Amino acid sequence: MADAHEKDALYALDISGVEWISAPGTEEHEERVEIAHLPDGAVAMRSSLDPQTVLRYTEAEWTAFVLGARDGEFDLR
């Protein structure tokens, strides 16, 4: 888990110029999740419906999330 200093530094980054990407096949007008790659393997994530609210994850947090998603930990039952 990221320490407070690492998270503070991550949220202090100016990400105004990042390139946001979404899943292939999604259209600009569709609701979608968008991500942006940040320094040191970190990732920012937002909803196209609320682009001002951005969550930021360290590389370790993002890796844990992706592995959990692949393993079905977030499947809705």
PDB file of N, CA and C in Angstrom:
ATOM      1  N   MET A   1       0.831  -1.176   0.000  1.00  0.00           N
ATOM      2  CA  MET A   1       0.000   0.000   0.000  1.00  0.00           C
ATOM      3  C   MET A   1       0.877   1.240   0.000  1.00  0.00           C
ATOM      4  N   ALA A   2       0.442   2.251  -0.714  1.00  0.00           N
ATOM      5  CA  ALA A   2       1.215   3.489  -0.830  1.00  0.00           C
ATOM      6  C   ALA A   2       1.206   4.250   0.487  1.00  0.00           C
ATOM      7  N   ASP A   3       2.338   4.874   0.785  1.00  0.00           N
ATOM      8  CA  ASP A   3       2.354   5.701   1.988  1.00  0.00           C
ATOM      9  C   ASP A   3       1.799   7.085   1.662  1.00  0.00           C
ATOM     10  N   ALA A   4       1.521   7.857   2.697  1.00  0.00           N
ATOM     11  CA  ALA A   4       0.882   9.168   2.529  1.00  0.00           C
ATOM     12  C   ALA A   4       1.748  10.110   1.690  1.00  0.00           C
ATOM     13  N   HIS A   5       3.054  10.064   1.880  1.00  0.00           N
ATOM     14  CA  HIS A   5       3.951  10.937   1.107  1.00  0.00           C
ATOM     15  C   HIS A   5       3.882  10.610  -0.384  1.00  0.00           C
ATOM     16  N   GLU A   6       3.878   9.326  -0.694  1.00  0.00           N
ATOM     17  CA  GLU A   6       3.807   8.891  -2.092  1.00  0.00           C
ATOM     18  C   GLU A   6       2.486   9.330  -2.728  1.00  0.00           C
ATOM     19  N   LYS A   7       1.379   9.185  -2.000  1.00  0.00           N
ATOM     20  CA  LYS A   7       0.073   9.601  -2.521  1.00  0.00           C
ATOM     21  C   LYS A   7      -0.004  11.120  -2.666  1.00  0.00           C
ATOM     22  N   ASP A   8       0.539  11.855  -1.694  1.00  0.00           N
ATOM     23  CA  ASP A   8       0.542  13.318  -1.788  1.00  0.00           C
ATOM     24  C   ASP A   8       1.306  13.781  -3.025  1.00  0.00           C
ATOM     25  N   ALA A   9       2.453  13.164  -3.265  1.00  0.00           N
ATOM     26  CA  ALA A   9       3.254  13.525  -4.441  1.00  0.00           C
ATOM     27  C   ALA A   9       2.505  13.194  -5.728  1.00  0.00           C
ATOM     28  N   LEU A  10       1.808  12.074  -5.735  1.00  0.00           N
ATOM     29  CA  LEU A  10       1.052  11.662  -6.913  1.00  0.00           C
ATOM     30  C   LEU A  10      -0.070  12.661  -7.212  1.00  0.00           C
ATOM     31  N   TYR A  11      -0.775  13.097  -6.182  1.00  0.00           N
ATOM     32  CA  TYR A  11      -1.870  14.054  -6.373  1.00  0.00           C
ATOM     33  C   TYR A  11      -1.366  15.476  -6.614  1.00  0.00           C
ATOM     34  N   ALA A  12      -0.100  15.745  -6.312  1.00  0.00           N
ATOM     35  CA  ALA A  12       0.478  17.066  -6.576  1.00  0.00           C
ATOM     36  C   ALA A  12       0.909  17.227  -8.029  1.00  0.00           C
ATOM     37  N   LEU A  13       1.003  16.121  -8.761  1.00  0.00           N
ATOM     38  CA  LEU A  13       1.414  16.190 -10.166  1.00  0.00           C
ATOM     39  C   LEU A  13       0.423  16.995 -11.004  1.00  0.00           C
ATOM     40  N   ASP A  14       0.947  17.832 -11.885  1.00  0.00           N
ATOM     41  CA  ASP A  14       0.108  18.544 -12.853  1.00  0.00           C
ATOM     42  C   ASP A  14      -0.180  17.573 -13.993  1.00  0.00           C
ATOM     43  N   ILE A  15      -1.423  17.174 -14.129  1.00  0.00           N
ATOM     44  CA  ILE A  15      -1.779  16.216 -15.186  1.00  0.00           C
ATOM     45  C   ILE A  15      -2.644  16.870 -16.269  1.00  0.00           C
ATOM     46  N   SER A  16      -2.598  18.195 -16.328  1.00  0.00           N
ATOM     47  CA  SER A  16      -3.454  18.897 -17.288  1.00  0.00           C
ATOM     48  C   SER A  16      -3.148  18.532 -18.737  1.00  0.00           C
ATOM     49  N   GLY A  17      -1.949  18.072 -19.023  1.00  0.00           N
ATOM     50  CA  GLY A  17      -1.602  17.753 -20.396  1.00  0.00           C
ATOM     51  C   GLY A  17      -1.540  16.277 -20.733  1.00  0.00           C
ATOM     52  N   VAL A  18      -2.042  15.412 -19.841  1.00  0.00           N
ATOM     53  CA  VAL A  18      -1.951  13.979 -20.098  1.00  0.00           C
ATOM     54  C   VAL A  18      -2.901  13.561 -21.215  1.00  0.00           C
ATOM     55  N   GLU A  19      -2.582  12.443 -21.841  1.00  0.00           N
ATOM     56  CA  GLU A  19      -3.449  11.867 -22.873  1.00  0.00           C
ATOM     57  C   GLU A  19      -4.346  10.832 -22.207  1.00  0.00           C
ATOM     58  N   TRP A  20      -5.646  11.057 -22.298  1.00  0.00           N
ATOM     59  CA  TRP A  20      -6.622  10.129 -21.736  1.00  0.00           C
ATOM     60  C   TRP A  20      -6.985   9.092 -22.781  1.00  0.00           C
ATOM     61  N   ILE A  21      -7.002   7.833 -22.387  1.00  0.00           N
ATOM     62  CA  ILE A  21      -7.363   6.752 -23.303  1.00  0.00           C
ATOM     63  C   ILE A  21      -8.524   5.963 -22.711  1.00  0.00           C
ATOM     64  N   SER A  22      -9.278   5.340 -23.579  1.00  0.00           N
ATOM     65  CA  SER A  22     -10.392   4.497 -23.131  1.00  0.00           C
ATOM     66  C   SER A  22     -10.345   3.192 -23.905  1.00  0.00           C
ATOM     67  N   ALA A  23     -11.218   2.289 -23.552  1.00  0.00           N
ATOM     68  CA  ALA A  23     -11.227   0.978 -24.192  1.00  0.00           C
ATOM     69  C   ALA A  23     -11.446   1.116 -25.695  1.00  0.00           C
ATOM     70  N   PRO A  24     -10.775   0.288 -26.466  1.00  0.00           N
ATOM     71  CA  PRO A  24     -10.988   0.303 -27.913  1.00  0.00           C
ATOM     72  C   PRO A  24     -12.461   0.062 -28.243  1.00  0.00           C
ATOM     73  N   GLY A  25     -12.939   0.773 -29.225  1.00  0.00           N
ATOM     74  CA  GLY A  25     -14.311   0.582 -29.670  1.00  0.00           C
ATOM     75  C   GLY A  25     -15.306   1.504 -29.002  1.00  0.00           C
ATOM     76  N   THR A  26     -14.871   2.282 -27.999  1.00  0.00           N
ATOM     77  CA  THR A  26     -15.793   3.221 -27.376  1.00  0.00           C
ATOM     78  C   THR A  26     -15.778   4.530 -28.163  1.00  0.00           C
ATOM     79  N   GLU A  27     -16.922   5.166 -28.210  1.00  0.00           N
ATOM     80  CA  GLU A  27     -17.077   6.420 -28.940  1.00  0.00           C
ATOM     81  C   GLU A  27     -16.962   7.605 -27.988  1.00  0.00           C
ATOM     82  N   GLU A  28     -16.568   8.754 -28.528  1.00  0.00           N
ATOM     83  CA  GLU A  28     -16.389   9.961 -27.741  1.00  0.00           C
ATOM     84  C   GLU A  28     -17.636  10.332 -26.936  1.00  0.00           C
ATOM     85  N   HIS A  29     -18.812  10.111 -27.475  1.00  0.00           N
ATOM     86  CA  HIS A  29     -20.059  10.498 -26.823  1.00  0.00           C
ATOM     87  C   HIS A  29     -20.572   9.457 -25.816  1.00  0.00           C
ATOM     88  N   GLU A  30     -19.972   8.275 -25.777  1.00  0.00           N
ATOM     89  CA  GLU A  30     -20.414   7.208 -24.880  1.00  0.00           C
ATOM     90  C   GLU A  30     -19.846   7.393 -23.468  1.00  0.00           C
ATOM     91  N   GLU A  31     -20.612   6.929 -22.476  1.00  0.00           N
ATOM     92  CA  GLU A  31     -20.091   6.880 -21.116  1.00  0.00           C
ATOM     93  C   GLU A  31     -18.978   5.834 -21.080  1.00  0.00           C
ATOM     94  N   ARG A  32     -17.841   6.194 -20.504  1.00  0.00           N
ATOM     95  CA  ARG A  32     -16.718   5.263 -20.473  1.00  0.00           C
ATOM     96  C   ARG A  32     -15.737   5.640 -19.365  1.00  0.00           C
ATOM     97  N   VAL A  33     -14.898   4.698 -19.002  1.00  0.00           N
ATOM     98  CA  VAL A  33     -13.803   4.944 -18.077  1.00  0.00           C
ATOM     99  C   VAL A  33     -12.589   5.305 -18.911  1.00  0.00           C
ATOM    100  N   GLU A  34     -11.858   6.324 -18.470  1.00  0.00           N
ATOM    101  CA  GLU A  34     -10.655   6.760 -19.172  1.00  0.00           C
ATOM    102  C   GLU A  34      -9.472   6.678 -18.216  1.00  0.00           C
ATOM    103  N   ILE A  35      -8.310   6.310 -18.745  1.00  0.00           N
ATOM    104  CA  ILE A  35      -7.102   6.273 -17.929  1.00  0.00           C
ATOM    105  C   ILE A  35      -6.009   7.088 -18.617  1.00  0.00           C
ATOM    106  N   ALA A  36      -5.053   7.506 -17.804  1.00  0.00           N
ATOM    107  CA  ALA A  36      -3.873   8.208 -18.309  1.00  0.00           C
ATOM    108  C   ALA A  36      -2.660   7.646 -17.582  1.00  0.00           C
ATOM    109  N   HIS A  37      -1.606   7.413 -18.328  1.00  0.00           N
ATOM    110  CA  HIS A  37      -0.370   6.913 -17.732  1.00  0.00           C
ATOM    111  C   HIS A  37       0.415   8.094 -17.169  1.00  0.00           C
ATOM    112  N   LEU A  38       0.881   7.941 -15.934  1.00  0.00           N
ATOM    113  CA  LEU A  38       1.632   8.975 -15.232  1.00  0.00           C
ATOM    114  C   LEU A  38       3.055   8.487 -14.987  1.00  0.00           C
ATOM    115  N   PRO A  39       3.946   9.363 -14.514  1.00  0.00           N
ATOM    116  CA  PRO A  39       5.332   8.943 -14.250  1.00  0.00           C
ATOM    117  C   PRO A  39       5.414   7.790 -13.244  1.00  0.00           C
ATOM    118  N   ASP A  40       6.482   7.044 -13.349  1.00  0.00           N
ATOM    119  CA  ASP A  40       6.793   5.946 -12.425  1.00  0.00           C
ATOM    120  C   ASP A  40       5.738   4.846 -12.407  1.00  0.00           C
ATOM    121  N   GLY A  41       5.045   4.650 -13.518  1.00  0.00           N
ATOM    122  CA  GLY A  41       4.069   3.576 -13.622  1.00  0.00           C
ATOM    123  C   GLY A  41       2.720   3.876 -12.993  1.00  0.00           C
ATOM    124  N   ALA A  42       2.541   5.081 -12.473  1.00  0.00           N
ATOM    125  CA  ALA A  42       1.267   5.461 -11.863  1.00  0.00           C
ATOM    126  C   ALA A  42       0.211   5.644 -12.956  1.00  0.00           C
ATOM    127  N   VAL A  43      -1.054   5.619 -12.543  1.00  0.00           N
ATOM    128  CA  VAL A  43      -2.174   5.737 -13.474  1.00  0.00           C
ATOM    129  C   VAL A  43      -3.228   6.655 -12.869  1.00  0.00           C
ATOM    130  N   ALA A  44      -3.828   7.493 -13.711  1.00  0.00           N
ATOM    131  CA  ALA A  44      -4.984   8.297 -13.312  1.00  0.00           C
ATOM    132  C   ALA A  44      -6.208   7.701 -13.992  1.00  0.00           C
ATOM    133  N   MET A  45      -7.357   7.763 -13.321  1.00  0.00           N
ATOM    134  CA  MET A  45      -8.580   7.200 -13.879  1.00  0.00           C
ATOM    135  C   MET A  45      -9.732   8.163 -13.609  1.00  0.00           C
ATOM    136  N   ARG A  46     -10.621   8.294 -14.603  1.00  0.00           N
ATOM    137  CA  ARG A  46     -11.796   9.157 -14.463  1.00  0.00           C
ATOM    138  C   ARG A  46     -12.952   8.598 -15.276  1.00  0.00           C
ATOM    139  N   SER A  47     -14.128   9.129 -15.013  1.00  0.00           N
ATOM    140  CA  SER A  47     -15.317   8.804 -15.799  1.00  0.00           C
ATOM    141  C   SER A  47     -15.519   9.903 -16.829  1.00  0.00           C
ATOM    142  N   SER A  48     -15.936   9.534 -18.025  1.00  0.00           N
ATOM    143  CA  SER A  48     -16.204  10.536 -19.049  1.00  0.00           C
ATOM    144  C   SER A  48     -17.372  11.438 -18.651  1.00  0.00           C
ATOM    145  N   LEU A  49     -18.222  10.976 -17.735  1.00  0.00           N
ATOM    146  CA  LEU A  49     -19.344  11.777 -17.269  1.00  0.00           C
ATOM    147  C   LEU A  49     -18.928  12.838 -16.250  1.00  0.00           C
ATOM    148  N   ASP A  50     -17.772  12.638 -15.605  1.00  0.00           N
ATOM    149  CA  ASP A  50     -17.285  13.572 -14.592  1.00  0.00           C
ATOM    150  C   ASP A  50     -15.771  13.707 -14.720  1.00  0.00           C
ATOM    151  N   PRO A  51     -15.292  14.331 -15.793  1.00  0.00           N
ATOM    152  CA  PRO A  51     -13.855  14.363 -16.049  1.00  0.00           C
ATOM    153  C   PRO A  51     -13.044  15.188 -15.047  1.00  0.00           C
ATOM    154  N   GLN A  52     -13.708  15.975 -14.218  1.00  0.00           N
ATOM    155  CA  GLN A  52     -12.981  16.764 -13.220  1.00  0.00           C
ATOM    156  C   GLN A  52     -12.610  15.938 -11.985  1.00  0.00           C
ATOM    157  N   THR A  53     -13.281  14.829 -11.769  1.00  0.00           N
ATOM    158  CA  THR A  53     -12.966  13.955 -10.638  1.00  0.00           C
ATOM    159  C   THR A  53     -12.012  12.872 -11.124  1.00  0.00           C
ATOM    160  N   VAL A  54     -10.790  12.943 -10.648  1.00  0.00           N
ATOM    161  CA  VAL A  54      -9.745  12.035 -11.111  1.00  0.00           C
ATOM    162  C   VAL A  54      -9.151  11.289  -9.921  1.00  0.00           C
ATOM    163  N   LEU A  55      -9.119   9.976 -10.021  1.00  0.00           N
ATOM    164  CA  LEU A  55      -8.458   9.133  -9.022  1.00  0.00           C
ATOM    165  C   LEU A  55      -7.069   8.802  -9.534  1.00  0.00           C
ATOM    166  N   ARG A  56      -6.113   8.723  -8.635  1.00  0.00           N
ATOM    167  CA  ARG A  56      -4.730   8.428  -9.026  1.00  0.00           C
ATOM    168  C   ARG A  56      -4.226   7.238  -8.230  1.00  0.00           C
ATOM    169  N   TYR A  57      -3.528   6.348  -8.918  1.00  0.00           N
ATOM    170  CA  TYR A  57      -3.046   5.114  -8.319  1.00  0.00           C
ATOM    171  C   TYR A  57      -1.558   4.958  -8.562  1.00  0.00           C
ATOM    172  N   THR A  58      -0.840   4.527  -7.534  1.00  0.00           N
ATOM    173  CA  THR A  58       0.567   4.203  -7.713  1.00  0.00           C
ATOM    174  C   THR A  58       0.669   2.964  -8.601  1.00  0.00           C
ATOM    175  N   GLU A  59       1.854   2.683  -9.050  1.00  0.00           N
ATOM    176  CA  GLU A  59       2.051   1.492  -9.877  1.00  0.00           C
ATOM    177  C   GLU A  59       1.617   0.233  -9.129  1.00  0.00           C
ATOM    178  N   ALA A  60       1.972   0.131  -7.857  1.00  0.00           N
ATOM    179  CA  ALA A  60       1.612  -1.059  -7.068  1.00  0.00           C
ATOM    180  C   ALA A  60       0.096  -1.166  -6.906  1.00  0.00           C
ATOM    181  N   GLU A  61      -0.569  -0.054  -6.642  1.00  0.00           N
ATOM    182  CA  GLU A  61      -2.026  -0.078  -6.495  1.00  0.00           C
ATOM    183  C   GLU A  61      -2.701  -0.474  -7.801  1.00  0.00           C
ATOM    184  N   TRP A  62      -2.226   0.092  -8.916  1.00  0.00           N
ATOM    185  CA  TRP A  62      -2.826  -0.217 -10.217  1.00  0.00           C
ATOM    186  C   TRP A  62      -2.620  -1.683 -10.569  1.00  0.00           C
ATOM    187  N   THR A  63      -1.426  -2.184 -10.326  1.00  0.00           N
ATOM    188  CA  THR A  63      -1.135  -3.590 -10.618  1.00  0.00           C
ATOM    189  C   THR A  63      -2.047  -4.497  -9.799  1.00  0.00           C
ATOM    190  N   ALA A  64      -2.221  -4.183  -8.518  1.00  0.00           N
ATOM    191  CA  ALA A  64      -3.104  -4.987  -7.668  1.00  0.00           C
ATOM    192  C   ALA A  64      -4.540  -4.938  -8.179  1.00  0.00           C
ATOM    193  N   PHE A  65      -4.996  -3.772  -8.606  1.00  0.00           N
ATOM    194  CA  PHE A  65      -6.349  -3.641  -9.137  1.00  0.00           C
ATOM    195  C   PHE A  65      -6.525  -4.469 -10.408  1.00  0.00           C
ATOM    196  N   VAL A  66      -5.604  -4.331 -11.342  1.00  0.00           N
ATOM    197  CA  VAL A  66      -5.709  -5.061 -12.611  1.00  0.00           C
ATOM    198  C   VAL A  66      -5.678  -6.567 -12.371  1.00  0.00           C
ATOM    199  N   LEU A  67      -4.779  -7.034 -11.533  1.00  0.00           N
ATOM    200  CA  LEU A  67      -4.712  -8.471 -11.247  1.00  0.00           C
ATOM    201  C   LEU A  67      -5.997  -8.947 -10.579  1.00  0.00           C
ATOM    202  N   GLY A  68      -6.539  -8.140  -9.663  1.00  0.00           N
ATOM    203  CA  GLY A  68      -7.797  -8.503  -9.012  1.00  0.00           C
ATOM    204  C   GLY A  68      -8.954  -8.556  -9.999  1.00  0.00           C
ATOM    205  N   ALA A  69      -8.989  -7.594 -10.907  1.00  0.00           N
ATOM    206  CA  ALA A  69     -10.054  -7.575 -11.918  1.00  0.00           C
ATOM    207  C   ALA A  69      -9.945  -8.798 -12.821  1.00  0.00           C
ATOM    208  N   ARG A  70      -8.733  -9.124 -13.232  1.00  0.00           N
ATOM    209  CA  ARG A  70      -8.536 -10.312 -14.081  1.00  0.00           C
ATOM    210  C   ARG A  70      -8.937 -11.591 -13.354  1.00  0.00           C
ATOM    211  N   ASP A  71      -8.787 -11.594 -12.032  1.00  0.00           N
ATOM    212  CA  ASP A  71      -9.089 -12.774 -11.234  1.00  0.00           C
ATOM    213  C   ASP A  71     -10.562 -12.849 -10.828  1.00  0.00           C
ATOM    214  N   GLY A  72     -11.331 -11.834 -11.244  1.00  0.00           N
ATOM    215  CA  GLY A  72     -12.765 -11.847 -10.964  1.00  0.00           C
ATOM    216  C   GLY A  72     -13.178 -11.250  -9.631  1.00  0.00           C
ATOM    217  N   GLU A  73     -12.242 -10.604  -8.918  1.00  0.00           N
ATOM    218  CA  GLU A  73     -12.569 -10.046  -7.604  1.00  0.00           C
ATOM    219  C   GLU A  73     -13.648  -8.969  -7.651  1.00  0.00           C
ATOM    220  N   PHE A  74     -13.827  -8.322  -8.784  1.00  0.00           N
ATOM    221  CA  PHE A  74     -14.791  -7.224  -8.880  1.00  0.00           C
ATOM    222  C   PHE A  74     -16.025  -7.580  -9.699  1.00  0.00           C
ATOM    223  N   ASP A  75     -16.172  -8.846 -10.025  1.00  0.00           N
ATOM    224  CA  ASP A  75     -17.346  -9.267 -10.785  1.00  0.00           C
ATOM    225  C   ASP A  75     -18.604  -9.030  -9.966  1.00  0.00           C
ATOM    226  N   LEU A  76     -19.617  -8.486 -10.602  1.00  0.00           N
ATOM    227  CA  LEU A  76     -20.896  -8.301  -9.937  1.00  0.00           C
ATOM    228  C   LEU A  76     -21.654  -9.609  -9.985  1.00  0.00           C
ATOM    229  N   ARG A  77     -22.185 -10.004  -8.875  1.00  0.00           N
ATOM    230  CA  ARG A  77     -22.874 -11.273  -8.808  1.00  0.00           C
ATOM    231  C   ARG A  77     -24.350 -11.055  -8.617  1.00  0.00           C
TER     232      ARG A  77
END
